N, C-alpha and C. Protein backbone atom coordinates (compact mmCIF):
# COMPACT_ATOMS: atom_id res chain seq x y z
N MET A 1 0.84 -1.17 0.00
CA MET A 1 0.00 0.00 0.00
C MET A 1 0.89 1.24 0.00
N LYS A 2 0.68 2.10 -0.96
CA LYS A 2 1.45 3.33 -1.06
C LYS A 2 0.83 4.41 -0.18
N THR A 3 1.66 5.22 0.41
CA THR A 3 1.15 6.36 1.17
C THR A 3 1.85 7.61 0.67
N ILE A 4 1.23 8.73 0.89
CA ILE A 4 1.80 10.01 0.50
C ILE A 4 1.97 10.82 1.77
N GLU A 5 3.13 11.41 1.91
CA GLU A 5 3.46 12.11 3.16
C GLU A 5 2.58 13.30 3.45
N ASN A 6 2.06 13.95 2.42
CA ASN A 6 1.27 15.15 2.66
C ASN A 6 -0.23 14.85 2.78
N PHE A 7 -0.57 13.69 3.31
CA PHE A 7 -1.96 13.31 3.56
C PHE A 7 -2.36 13.80 4.95
N GLN A 8 -3.59 14.32 5.04
CA GLN A 8 -4.05 14.86 6.32
C GLN A 8 -5.54 14.58 6.47
N ILE A 9 -5.96 14.28 7.71
CA ILE A 9 -7.38 14.16 8.06
C ILE A 9 -7.66 15.21 9.12
N ARG A 10 -8.76 15.92 8.94
CA ARG A 10 -9.15 16.90 9.96
C ARG A 10 -10.65 17.03 10.00
N PRO A 11 -11.20 17.48 11.14
CA PRO A 11 -12.64 17.74 11.21
C PRO A 11 -13.01 18.87 10.25
N ALA A 12 -14.17 18.78 9.67
CA ALA A 12 -14.65 19.82 8.76
C ALA A 12 -15.09 21.04 9.55
N HIS A 13 -14.97 22.19 8.88
CA HIS A 13 -15.43 23.47 9.42
C HIS A 13 -16.50 24.03 8.49
N VAL A 14 -17.22 25.00 8.95
CA VAL A 14 -18.32 25.55 8.17
C VAL A 14 -17.87 26.02 6.79
N GLU A 15 -16.66 26.54 6.69
CA GLU A 15 -16.17 27.01 5.39
C GLU A 15 -15.88 25.86 4.43
N ASP A 16 -15.92 24.62 4.92
CA ASP A 16 -15.70 23.43 4.08
C ASP A 16 -16.98 22.93 3.42
N VAL A 17 -18.11 23.54 3.67
CA VAL A 17 -19.38 23.03 3.17
C VAL A 17 -19.38 22.84 1.65
N PRO A 18 -18.83 23.75 0.84
CA PRO A 18 -18.79 23.48 -0.62
C PRO A 18 -18.02 22.20 -0.96
N VAL A 19 -16.93 21.95 -0.24
CA VAL A 19 -16.14 20.73 -0.45
C VAL A 19 -16.97 19.50 -0.05
N ILE A 20 -17.66 19.59 1.07
CA ILE A 20 -18.49 18.47 1.54
C ILE A 20 -19.57 18.16 0.51
N LEU A 21 -20.24 19.18 0.03
CA LEU A 21 -21.31 18.96 -0.95
C LEU A 21 -20.76 18.34 -2.23
N GLN A 22 -19.60 18.77 -2.66
CA GLN A 22 -19.01 18.17 -3.87
C GLN A 22 -18.66 16.70 -3.64
N LEU A 23 -18.15 16.37 -2.47
CA LEU A 23 -17.84 14.97 -2.16
C LEU A 23 -19.12 14.13 -2.07
N ILE A 24 -20.19 14.72 -1.56
CA ILE A 24 -21.48 14.02 -1.54
C ILE A 24 -21.92 13.73 -2.97
N ARG A 25 -21.78 14.69 -3.85
CA ARG A 25 -22.15 14.50 -5.25
C ARG A 25 -21.25 13.45 -5.92
N ASP A 26 -19.97 13.47 -5.60
CA ASP A 26 -19.05 12.47 -6.14
C ASP A 26 -19.42 11.07 -5.66
N LEU A 27 -19.80 10.96 -4.40
CA LEU A 27 -20.23 9.67 -3.84
C LEU A 27 -21.49 9.19 -4.55
N ALA A 28 -22.45 10.08 -4.75
CA ALA A 28 -23.70 9.71 -5.41
C ALA A 28 -23.43 9.22 -6.84
N THR A 29 -22.52 9.85 -7.52
CA THR A 29 -22.15 9.41 -8.87
C THR A 29 -21.54 8.01 -8.81
N TYR A 30 -20.65 7.78 -7.85
CA TYR A 30 -20.04 6.46 -7.68
C TYR A 30 -21.10 5.40 -7.38
N GLU A 31 -22.10 5.77 -6.58
CA GLU A 31 -23.15 4.82 -6.19
C GLU A 31 -24.29 4.76 -7.20
N ARG A 32 -24.05 5.30 -8.39
CA ARG A 32 -24.99 5.20 -9.52
C ARG A 32 -26.29 5.96 -9.29
N ALA A 33 -26.22 7.02 -8.52
CA ALA A 33 -27.41 7.82 -8.23
C ALA A 33 -27.09 9.32 -8.27
N PRO A 34 -26.47 9.80 -9.35
CA PRO A 34 -26.02 11.19 -9.36
C PRO A 34 -27.13 12.22 -9.25
N ASN A 35 -28.34 11.86 -9.64
CA ASN A 35 -29.44 12.83 -9.60
C ASN A 35 -30.25 12.79 -8.31
N ASP A 36 -29.85 11.95 -7.35
CA ASP A 36 -30.59 11.81 -6.11
C ASP A 36 -30.20 12.82 -5.03
N VAL A 37 -29.12 13.53 -5.22
CA VAL A 37 -28.66 14.49 -4.20
C VAL A 37 -29.52 15.75 -4.29
N THR A 38 -30.20 16.06 -3.19
CA THR A 38 -31.00 17.29 -3.12
C THR A 38 -30.45 18.26 -2.08
N ALA A 39 -29.44 17.84 -1.34
CA ALA A 39 -28.84 18.69 -0.31
C ALA A 39 -28.28 19.97 -0.94
N THR A 40 -28.38 21.05 -0.17
CA THR A 40 -27.82 22.33 -0.60
C THR A 40 -26.77 22.77 0.41
N GLU A 41 -25.96 23.74 0.02
CA GLU A 41 -24.97 24.27 0.96
C GLU A 41 -25.65 24.86 2.20
N GLU A 42 -26.76 25.55 1.98
CA GLU A 42 -27.47 26.16 3.11
C GLU A 42 -27.96 25.10 4.10
N GLN A 43 -28.51 24.02 3.57
CA GLN A 43 -28.96 22.92 4.44
C GLN A 43 -27.80 22.35 5.23
N LEU A 44 -26.69 22.11 4.55
CA LEU A 44 -25.53 21.50 5.21
C LEU A 44 -24.97 22.41 6.29
N VAL A 45 -24.95 23.71 6.05
CA VAL A 45 -24.49 24.64 7.08
C VAL A 45 -25.36 24.47 8.32
N ASP A 46 -26.66 24.41 8.12
CA ASP A 46 -27.59 24.29 9.25
C ASP A 46 -27.46 22.95 9.96
N VAL A 47 -27.49 21.84 9.23
CA VAL A 47 -27.53 20.52 9.89
C VAL A 47 -26.18 20.06 10.40
N LEU A 48 -25.09 20.60 9.84
CA LEU A 48 -23.76 20.17 10.31
C LEU A 48 -23.12 21.16 11.28
N PHE A 49 -23.48 22.44 11.16
CA PHE A 49 -22.80 23.45 11.96
C PHE A 49 -23.77 24.39 12.67
N GLY A 50 -25.05 24.09 12.64
CA GLY A 50 -26.05 24.94 13.28
C GLY A 50 -26.13 24.70 14.78
N GLU A 51 -27.24 25.12 15.34
CA GLU A 51 -27.44 25.03 16.80
C GLU A 51 -27.41 23.58 17.31
N ARG A 52 -27.99 22.66 16.54
CA ARG A 52 -28.00 21.24 16.93
C ARG A 52 -27.44 20.40 15.78
N PRO A 53 -26.11 20.29 15.68
CA PRO A 53 -25.55 19.52 14.58
C PRO A 53 -26.04 18.07 14.59
N ALA A 54 -26.44 17.59 13.43
CA ALA A 54 -26.97 16.23 13.31
C ALA A 54 -25.88 15.22 13.00
N ALA A 55 -24.73 15.69 12.53
CA ALA A 55 -23.64 14.78 12.16
C ALA A 55 -22.33 15.56 12.20
N GLU A 56 -21.25 14.80 12.10
CA GLU A 56 -19.91 15.39 12.02
C GLU A 56 -19.26 14.87 10.74
N VAL A 57 -18.25 15.61 10.29
CA VAL A 57 -17.56 15.23 9.05
C VAL A 57 -16.05 15.30 9.27
N LEU A 58 -15.38 14.27 8.81
CA LEU A 58 -13.92 14.28 8.70
C LEU A 58 -13.58 14.43 7.23
N LEU A 59 -12.64 15.31 6.93
CA LEU A 59 -12.18 15.49 5.55
C LEU A 59 -10.76 14.96 5.42
N ALA A 60 -10.50 14.32 4.29
CA ALA A 60 -9.16 13.81 3.98
C ALA A 60 -8.58 14.64 2.84
N PHE A 61 -7.33 15.05 3.00
CA PHE A 61 -6.67 15.88 2.01
C PHE A 61 -5.35 15.26 1.59
N GLU A 62 -5.05 15.37 0.31
CA GLU A 62 -3.74 15.07 -0.23
C GLU A 62 -3.17 16.43 -0.61
N GLY A 63 -2.23 16.92 0.17
CA GLY A 63 -1.80 18.30 0.00
C GLY A 63 -2.97 19.21 0.34
N GLN A 64 -3.33 20.08 -0.56
CA GLN A 64 -4.47 20.98 -0.34
C GLN A 64 -5.74 20.46 -1.00
N SER A 65 -5.66 19.31 -1.66
CA SER A 65 -6.78 18.79 -2.44
C SER A 65 -7.60 17.79 -1.64
N PRO A 66 -8.93 18.02 -1.52
CA PRO A 66 -9.78 17.05 -0.81
C PRO A 66 -9.89 15.76 -1.61
N VAL A 67 -9.66 14.63 -0.93
CA VAL A 67 -9.70 13.33 -1.62
C VAL A 67 -10.75 12.38 -1.04
N GLY A 68 -11.34 12.74 0.10
CA GLY A 68 -12.34 11.87 0.69
C GLY A 68 -12.94 12.46 1.93
N PHE A 69 -13.95 11.75 2.45
CA PHE A 69 -14.60 12.22 3.67
C PHE A 69 -15.31 11.07 4.38
N ALA A 70 -15.62 11.32 5.63
CA ALA A 70 -16.45 10.42 6.43
C ALA A 70 -17.49 11.27 7.14
N VAL A 71 -18.75 10.87 7.03
CA VAL A 71 -19.85 11.56 7.72
C VAL A 71 -20.37 10.58 8.77
N PHE A 72 -20.46 11.02 10.01
CA PHE A 72 -20.87 10.12 11.08
C PHE A 72 -21.72 10.84 12.11
N PHE A 73 -22.47 10.04 12.85
CA PHE A 73 -23.29 10.56 13.94
C PHE A 73 -23.42 9.45 14.98
N TYR A 74 -24.17 9.70 16.03
CA TYR A 74 -24.28 8.74 17.10
C TYR A 74 -25.67 8.11 17.14
N ASN A 75 -25.68 6.81 17.35
CA ASN A 75 -26.92 6.12 17.66
C ASN A 75 -26.78 5.62 19.09
N PHE A 76 -27.64 4.73 19.53
CA PHE A 76 -27.57 4.28 20.91
C PHE A 76 -27.95 2.81 21.00
N SER A 77 -27.20 2.06 21.77
CA SER A 77 -27.51 0.66 22.02
C SER A 77 -28.11 0.52 23.40
N THR A 78 -29.37 0.14 23.46
CA THR A 78 -30.00 -0.08 24.77
C THR A 78 -29.37 -1.27 25.47
N TRP A 79 -28.96 -2.28 24.73
CA TRP A 79 -28.37 -3.46 25.34
C TRP A 79 -27.01 -3.17 25.96
N LEU A 80 -26.23 -2.33 25.26
CA LEU A 80 -24.92 -1.97 25.79
C LEU A 80 -25.00 -0.81 26.77
N GLY A 81 -26.07 -0.03 26.66
CA GLY A 81 -26.18 1.17 27.48
C GLY A 81 -25.13 2.21 27.09
N ARG A 82 -24.76 2.21 25.83
CA ARG A 82 -23.72 3.11 25.33
C ARG A 82 -24.09 3.66 23.95
N PRO A 83 -23.51 4.82 23.63
CA PRO A 83 -23.70 5.31 22.26
C PRO A 83 -22.90 4.45 21.30
N GLY A 84 -23.31 4.51 20.05
CA GLY A 84 -22.55 3.88 18.98
C GLY A 84 -22.23 4.93 17.95
N LEU A 85 -21.18 4.71 17.20
CA LEU A 85 -20.84 5.62 16.11
C LEU A 85 -21.40 5.01 14.85
N TYR A 86 -22.25 5.75 14.16
CA TYR A 86 -22.82 5.29 12.89
C TYR A 86 -22.16 6.05 11.76
N LEU A 87 -21.54 5.31 10.86
CA LEU A 87 -20.86 5.89 9.71
C LEU A 87 -21.86 5.98 8.57
N GLU A 88 -22.31 7.18 8.26
CA GLU A 88 -23.27 7.38 7.18
C GLU A 88 -22.62 7.26 5.82
N ASP A 89 -21.48 7.90 5.66
CA ASP A 89 -20.77 7.87 4.39
C ASP A 89 -19.27 7.80 4.63
N LEU A 90 -18.62 6.94 3.87
CA LEU A 90 -17.16 6.91 3.77
C LEU A 90 -16.86 6.90 2.29
N PHE A 91 -16.10 7.86 1.84
CA PHE A 91 -15.83 7.96 0.41
C PHE A 91 -14.43 8.50 0.17
N VAL A 92 -13.72 7.81 -0.71
CA VAL A 92 -12.44 8.28 -1.22
C VAL A 92 -12.59 8.31 -2.75
N LYS A 93 -12.17 9.39 -3.35
CA LYS A 93 -12.29 9.52 -4.81
C LYS A 93 -11.63 8.30 -5.46
N PRO A 94 -12.29 7.71 -6.45
CA PRO A 94 -11.77 6.48 -7.08
C PRO A 94 -10.31 6.59 -7.54
N GLU A 95 -9.93 7.72 -8.08
CA GLU A 95 -8.56 7.87 -8.58
C GLU A 95 -7.53 7.99 -7.45
N LYS A 96 -8.01 8.14 -6.21
CA LYS A 96 -7.10 8.27 -5.06
C LYS A 96 -7.11 7.01 -4.18
N ARG A 97 -7.77 5.97 -4.62
CA ARG A 97 -7.84 4.74 -3.83
C ARG A 97 -6.55 3.95 -3.92
N GLY A 98 -6.38 3.04 -2.98
CA GLY A 98 -5.20 2.19 -2.96
C GLY A 98 -4.02 2.83 -2.25
N LYS A 99 -4.23 3.97 -1.62
CA LYS A 99 -3.16 4.66 -0.92
C LYS A 99 -3.32 4.60 0.61
N GLY A 100 -4.39 3.92 1.05
CA GLY A 100 -4.62 3.80 2.48
C GLY A 100 -5.48 4.90 3.08
N TYR A 101 -6.08 5.73 2.24
CA TYR A 101 -6.86 6.86 2.75
C TYR A 101 -8.15 6.40 3.43
N GLY A 102 -8.84 5.41 2.85
CA GLY A 102 -10.06 4.89 3.46
C GLY A 102 -9.77 4.26 4.81
N ARG A 103 -8.71 3.47 4.85
CA ARG A 103 -8.31 2.84 6.12
C ARG A 103 -7.94 3.92 7.16
N ALA A 104 -7.24 4.95 6.73
CA ALA A 104 -6.85 6.03 7.65
C ALA A 104 -8.10 6.73 8.21
N LEU A 105 -9.10 6.94 7.36
CA LEU A 105 -10.35 7.55 7.84
C LEU A 105 -11.03 6.65 8.87
N LEU A 106 -11.07 5.34 8.60
CA LEU A 106 -11.70 4.42 9.54
C LEU A 106 -10.92 4.33 10.85
N ILE A 107 -9.60 4.38 10.79
CA ILE A 107 -8.80 4.38 12.01
C ILE A 107 -9.11 5.63 12.83
N GLU A 108 -9.21 6.77 12.17
CA GLU A 108 -9.54 8.02 12.88
C GLU A 108 -10.93 7.92 13.52
N LEU A 109 -11.89 7.33 12.80
CA LEU A 109 -13.22 7.12 13.37
C LEU A 109 -13.19 6.18 14.56
N ALA A 110 -12.39 5.13 14.47
CA ALA A 110 -12.26 4.18 15.59
C ALA A 110 -11.68 4.88 16.82
N LYS A 111 -10.74 5.77 16.62
CA LYS A 111 -10.18 6.53 17.74
C LYS A 111 -11.26 7.42 18.37
N ILE A 112 -12.05 8.07 17.53
CA ILE A 112 -13.13 8.91 18.04
C ILE A 112 -14.12 8.05 18.83
N ALA A 113 -14.51 6.92 18.26
CA ALA A 113 -15.46 6.02 18.94
C ALA A 113 -14.90 5.55 20.27
N ARG A 114 -13.65 5.16 20.28
CA ARG A 114 -13.03 4.71 21.53
C ARG A 114 -12.99 5.85 22.55
N ASP A 115 -12.52 7.01 22.14
CA ASP A 115 -12.35 8.13 23.07
C ASP A 115 -13.68 8.67 23.59
N ARG A 116 -14.75 8.49 22.83
CA ARG A 116 -16.07 8.97 23.25
C ARG A 116 -16.92 7.88 23.90
N GLY A 117 -16.33 6.73 24.17
CA GLY A 117 -17.03 5.68 24.90
C GLY A 117 -18.06 4.91 24.11
N CYS A 118 -17.92 4.85 22.81
CA CYS A 118 -18.89 4.13 22.00
C CYS A 118 -18.72 2.62 22.16
N GLY A 119 -19.83 1.92 22.17
CA GLY A 119 -19.81 0.47 22.30
C GLY A 119 -19.64 -0.27 20.99
N ARG A 120 -19.85 0.45 19.87
CA ARG A 120 -19.68 -0.18 18.57
C ARG A 120 -19.70 0.88 17.47
N MET A 121 -19.25 0.45 16.29
CA MET A 121 -19.34 1.25 15.07
C MET A 121 -20.16 0.44 14.08
N GLU A 122 -21.03 1.12 13.36
CA GLU A 122 -21.87 0.43 12.36
C GLU A 122 -21.97 1.29 11.11
N TRP A 123 -22.23 0.61 9.99
CA TRP A 123 -22.48 1.29 8.73
C TRP A 123 -23.13 0.31 7.79
N ALA A 124 -23.64 0.81 6.71
CA ALA A 124 -24.25 -0.02 5.67
C ALA A 124 -23.40 0.09 4.42
N VAL A 125 -23.46 -0.96 3.61
CA VAL A 125 -22.74 -0.96 2.34
C VAL A 125 -23.65 -1.55 1.28
N LEU A 126 -23.61 -0.99 0.10
CA LEU A 126 -24.42 -1.52 -1.00
C LEU A 126 -23.97 -2.94 -1.32
N ASP A 127 -24.92 -3.83 -1.54
CA ASP A 127 -24.57 -5.25 -1.72
C ASP A 127 -23.74 -5.51 -2.98
N TRP A 128 -23.75 -4.59 -3.94
CA TRP A 128 -22.95 -4.79 -5.15
C TRP A 128 -21.54 -4.24 -5.01
N ASN A 129 -21.25 -3.55 -3.93
CA ASN A 129 -19.95 -2.91 -3.74
C ASN A 129 -18.94 -3.90 -3.15
N GLU A 130 -18.57 -4.89 -3.93
CA GLU A 130 -17.67 -5.95 -3.47
C GLU A 130 -16.32 -5.44 -2.97
N PRO A 131 -15.70 -4.44 -3.63
CA PRO A 131 -14.43 -3.95 -3.11
C PRO A 131 -14.56 -3.42 -1.67
N ALA A 132 -15.65 -2.69 -1.40
CA ALA A 132 -15.86 -2.15 -0.05
C ALA A 132 -16.12 -3.28 0.95
N ILE A 133 -16.93 -4.26 0.56
CA ILE A 133 -17.23 -5.38 1.46
C ILE A 133 -15.95 -6.12 1.82
N LYS A 134 -15.13 -6.38 0.83
CA LYS A 134 -13.85 -7.07 1.06
C LYS A 134 -12.96 -6.25 1.99
N PHE A 135 -12.91 -4.95 1.75
CA PHE A 135 -12.12 -4.02 2.56
C PHE A 135 -12.59 -4.03 4.01
N TYR A 136 -13.91 -3.95 4.24
CA TYR A 136 -14.43 -3.94 5.61
C TYR A 136 -14.18 -5.26 6.32
N ARG A 137 -14.34 -6.36 5.62
CA ARG A 137 -14.05 -7.66 6.22
C ARG A 137 -12.58 -7.75 6.64
N ALA A 138 -11.68 -7.24 5.81
CA ALA A 138 -10.25 -7.28 6.11
C ALA A 138 -9.92 -6.48 7.37
N LEU A 139 -10.75 -5.50 7.68
CA LEU A 139 -10.55 -4.71 8.91
C LEU A 139 -11.11 -5.41 10.16
N GLY A 140 -11.85 -6.51 9.95
CA GLY A 140 -12.45 -7.23 11.06
C GLY A 140 -13.92 -6.94 11.25
N ALA A 141 -14.52 -6.11 10.39
CA ALA A 141 -15.95 -5.83 10.48
C ALA A 141 -16.74 -7.04 10.00
N LYS A 142 -17.88 -7.27 10.63
CA LYS A 142 -18.71 -8.43 10.27
C LYS A 142 -20.07 -7.95 9.75
N PRO A 143 -20.52 -8.55 8.65
CA PRO A 143 -21.86 -8.19 8.17
C PRO A 143 -22.93 -8.71 9.12
N MET A 144 -24.00 -7.98 9.23
CA MET A 144 -25.11 -8.34 10.11
C MET A 144 -26.23 -8.94 9.26
N HIS A 145 -26.05 -10.19 8.84
CA HIS A 145 -26.98 -10.83 7.90
C HIS A 145 -28.40 -10.97 8.46
N GLU A 146 -28.53 -11.02 9.77
CA GLU A 146 -29.86 -11.23 10.34
C GLU A 146 -30.68 -9.93 10.44
N TRP A 147 -30.09 -8.81 10.07
CA TRP A 147 -30.77 -7.52 10.12
C TRP A 147 -31.13 -7.05 8.73
N THR A 148 -32.28 -6.39 8.62
CA THR A 148 -32.71 -5.75 7.38
C THR A 148 -32.93 -4.28 7.68
N VAL A 149 -32.41 -3.41 6.83
CA VAL A 149 -32.55 -1.98 7.02
C VAL A 149 -33.90 -1.55 6.47
N PHE A 150 -34.63 -0.77 7.25
CA PHE A 150 -35.89 -0.17 6.81
C PHE A 150 -35.72 1.33 6.73
N ARG A 151 -36.50 1.95 5.85
CA ARG A 151 -36.40 3.39 5.67
C ARG A 151 -37.77 3.97 5.37
N LEU A 152 -38.04 5.13 5.94
CA LEU A 152 -39.17 5.95 5.55
C LEU A 152 -38.60 7.20 4.91
N THR A 153 -39.11 7.59 3.74
CA THR A 153 -38.69 8.83 3.11
C THR A 153 -39.47 9.98 3.76
N ARG A 154 -39.16 11.18 3.35
CA ARG A 154 -39.80 12.36 3.93
C ARG A 154 -41.32 12.30 3.78
N ASP A 155 -41.82 11.93 2.57
CA ASP A 155 -43.26 11.82 2.35
C ASP A 155 -43.87 10.73 3.22
N GLU A 156 -43.17 9.61 3.35
CA GLU A 156 -43.69 8.51 4.17
C GLU A 156 -43.69 8.88 5.66
N ILE A 157 -42.71 9.66 6.09
CA ILE A 157 -42.69 10.15 7.47
C ILE A 157 -43.91 11.01 7.72
N ALA A 158 -44.20 11.93 6.80
CA ALA A 158 -45.36 12.81 6.95
C ALA A 158 -46.65 11.99 6.99
N ARG A 159 -46.74 10.99 6.12
CA ARG A 159 -47.94 10.14 6.08
C ARG A 159 -48.12 9.39 7.41
N LEU A 160 -47.02 8.87 7.93
CA LEU A 160 -47.10 8.16 9.22
C LEU A 160 -47.44 9.11 10.35
N ALA A 161 -46.83 10.27 10.34
CA ALA A 161 -47.12 11.27 11.39
C ALA A 161 -48.59 11.68 11.34
N ASP A 162 -49.13 11.85 10.15
CA ASP A 162 -50.55 12.20 10.00
C ASP A 162 -51.43 11.04 10.44
N ALA A 163 -50.94 9.82 10.29
CA ALA A 163 -51.72 8.65 10.70
C ALA A 163 -51.90 8.62 12.21
N ALA A 164 -51.01 9.26 12.95
CA ALA A 164 -51.16 9.32 14.40
C ALA A 164 -52.46 10.01 14.78
N ASP A 165 -52.83 11.06 14.04
CA ASP A 165 -54.08 11.74 14.31
C ASP A 165 -55.25 10.80 14.03
N THR A 166 -55.17 10.04 12.96
CA THR A 166 -56.21 9.07 12.61
C THR A 166 -56.29 7.98 13.67
N ALA A 167 -55.12 7.49 14.13
CA ALA A 167 -55.09 6.44 15.14
C ALA A 167 -55.71 6.92 16.45
N ALA A 168 -55.42 8.16 16.83
CA ALA A 168 -55.99 8.69 18.07
C ALA A 168 -57.51 8.75 17.97
N THR A 169 -58.02 9.15 16.82
CA THR A 169 -59.46 9.20 16.62
C THR A 169 -60.05 7.80 16.68
N THR A 170 -59.38 6.83 16.06
CA THR A 170 -59.86 5.44 16.08
C THR A 170 -59.85 4.90 17.50
N GLU A 171 -58.77 5.16 18.24
CA GLU A 171 -58.69 4.68 19.64
C GLU A 171 -59.81 5.29 20.48
N GLN A 172 -60.10 6.57 20.25
CA GLN A 172 -61.16 7.22 21.00
C GLN A 172 -62.50 6.56 20.70
N ARG A 173 -62.77 6.26 19.41
CA ARG A 173 -64.01 5.58 19.04
C ARG A 173 -64.09 4.20 19.66
N GLU A 174 -62.96 3.47 19.65
CA GLU A 174 -62.95 2.13 20.24
C GLU A 174 -63.18 2.20 21.74
N HIS A 175 -62.66 3.25 22.37
CA HIS A 175 -62.87 3.41 23.81
C HIS A 175 -64.35 3.66 24.11
N GLU A 176 -64.98 4.47 23.25
CA GLU A 176 -66.39 4.77 23.43
C GLU A 176 -67.27 3.57 23.10
N HIS A 177 -66.82 2.73 22.14
CA HIS A 177 -67.56 1.55 21.71
C HIS A 177 -66.61 0.35 21.65
N PRO A 178 -66.26 -0.21 22.82
CA PRO A 178 -65.27 -1.29 22.82
C PRO A 178 -65.77 -2.52 22.07
N PRO A 179 -64.81 -3.31 21.49
CA PRO A 179 -65.21 -4.53 20.80
C PRO A 179 -65.78 -5.53 21.80
N SER A 180 -66.49 -6.49 21.30
CA SER A 180 -67.08 -7.52 22.13
C SER A 180 -66.03 -8.20 22.99
N PRO A 181 -66.30 -8.41 24.28
CA PRO A 181 -65.33 -9.08 25.15
C PRO A 181 -65.11 -10.52 24.74
N ARG A 182 -65.99 -11.09 23.93
CA ARG A 182 -65.82 -12.47 23.50
C ARG A 182 -64.73 -12.61 22.43
N LEU A 183 -64.37 -11.50 21.78
CA LEU A 183 -63.33 -11.54 20.76
C LEU A 183 -61.98 -11.42 21.46
N ARG A 184 -61.19 -12.49 21.38
CA ARG A 184 -59.89 -12.48 22.04
C ARG A 184 -58.93 -11.55 21.32
N ARG A 185 -58.08 -10.92 22.06
CA ARG A 185 -57.04 -10.05 21.51
C ARG A 185 -56.13 -10.85 20.60
N GLY A 186 -55.88 -10.34 19.38
CA GLY A 186 -54.98 -11.00 18.45
C GLY A 186 -55.59 -12.19 17.73
N SER A 187 -56.90 -12.39 17.85
CA SER A 187 -57.51 -13.54 17.21
C SER A 187 -58.80 -13.11 16.53
N SER A 188 -59.12 -13.77 15.45
CA SER A 188 -60.40 -13.48 14.79
C SER A 188 -61.46 -14.50 15.24
N ARG A 189 -61.06 -15.40 16.14
CA ARG A 189 -62.00 -16.42 16.65
C ARG A 189 -62.64 -15.91 17.94
N PHE A 190 -63.90 -16.23 18.12
CA PHE A 190 -64.58 -15.85 19.34
C PHE A 190 -64.24 -16.85 20.44
N ALA A 191 -64.21 -16.36 21.66
CA ALA A 191 -63.98 -17.25 22.81
C ALA A 191 -65.09 -18.29 22.84
N GLY A 192 -64.75 -19.49 23.13
CA GLY A 192 -65.73 -20.55 23.21
C GLY A 192 -65.87 -21.31 21.90
N GLU A 193 -65.23 -20.86 20.82
CA GLU A 193 -65.32 -21.57 19.54
C GLU A 193 -64.20 -22.56 19.37
N GLU A 194 -63.37 -22.72 20.37
CA GLU A 194 -62.20 -23.58 20.22
C GLU A 194 -62.58 -25.04 20.21
């Protein structure tokens, strides 16, 4: 593995937002979804550097040129009783791969996770991205085959949130007119029909 002496990783600052957005677009192109990026610089300033930052970013540079980034935030494990570091994006420009930059970013993230008391690090990888899967396995990461990732988009979130109003109305009606006590909970059979 070749390394270059003028490689540097540092936390992103608000003035780096244009660089971050370009790396997001580069990642989307690599992941075959170049038109899916709707983020704007204004949004990123707010969500990354506003009053309540939602994530943090590490930037990787070769000299003065940005070559990659890692976007991460914290989740929580109830079983461990500890936060976890969730890696949303790890990206190194394809022409800069093979120099150890991705590994260096993950090592820096592992240090952050260790120093902040995280119980684990997690991330998702596209199932067709065999080079990344091989790379993560070589680091000792294990795929979680028994888990399936679910997602609600912004429209689906709104629909579900609006359903809460409908559910409250339904619960109120059920409270006013409860179902027959002969109907067992979780069954369509009436008691006594067994």
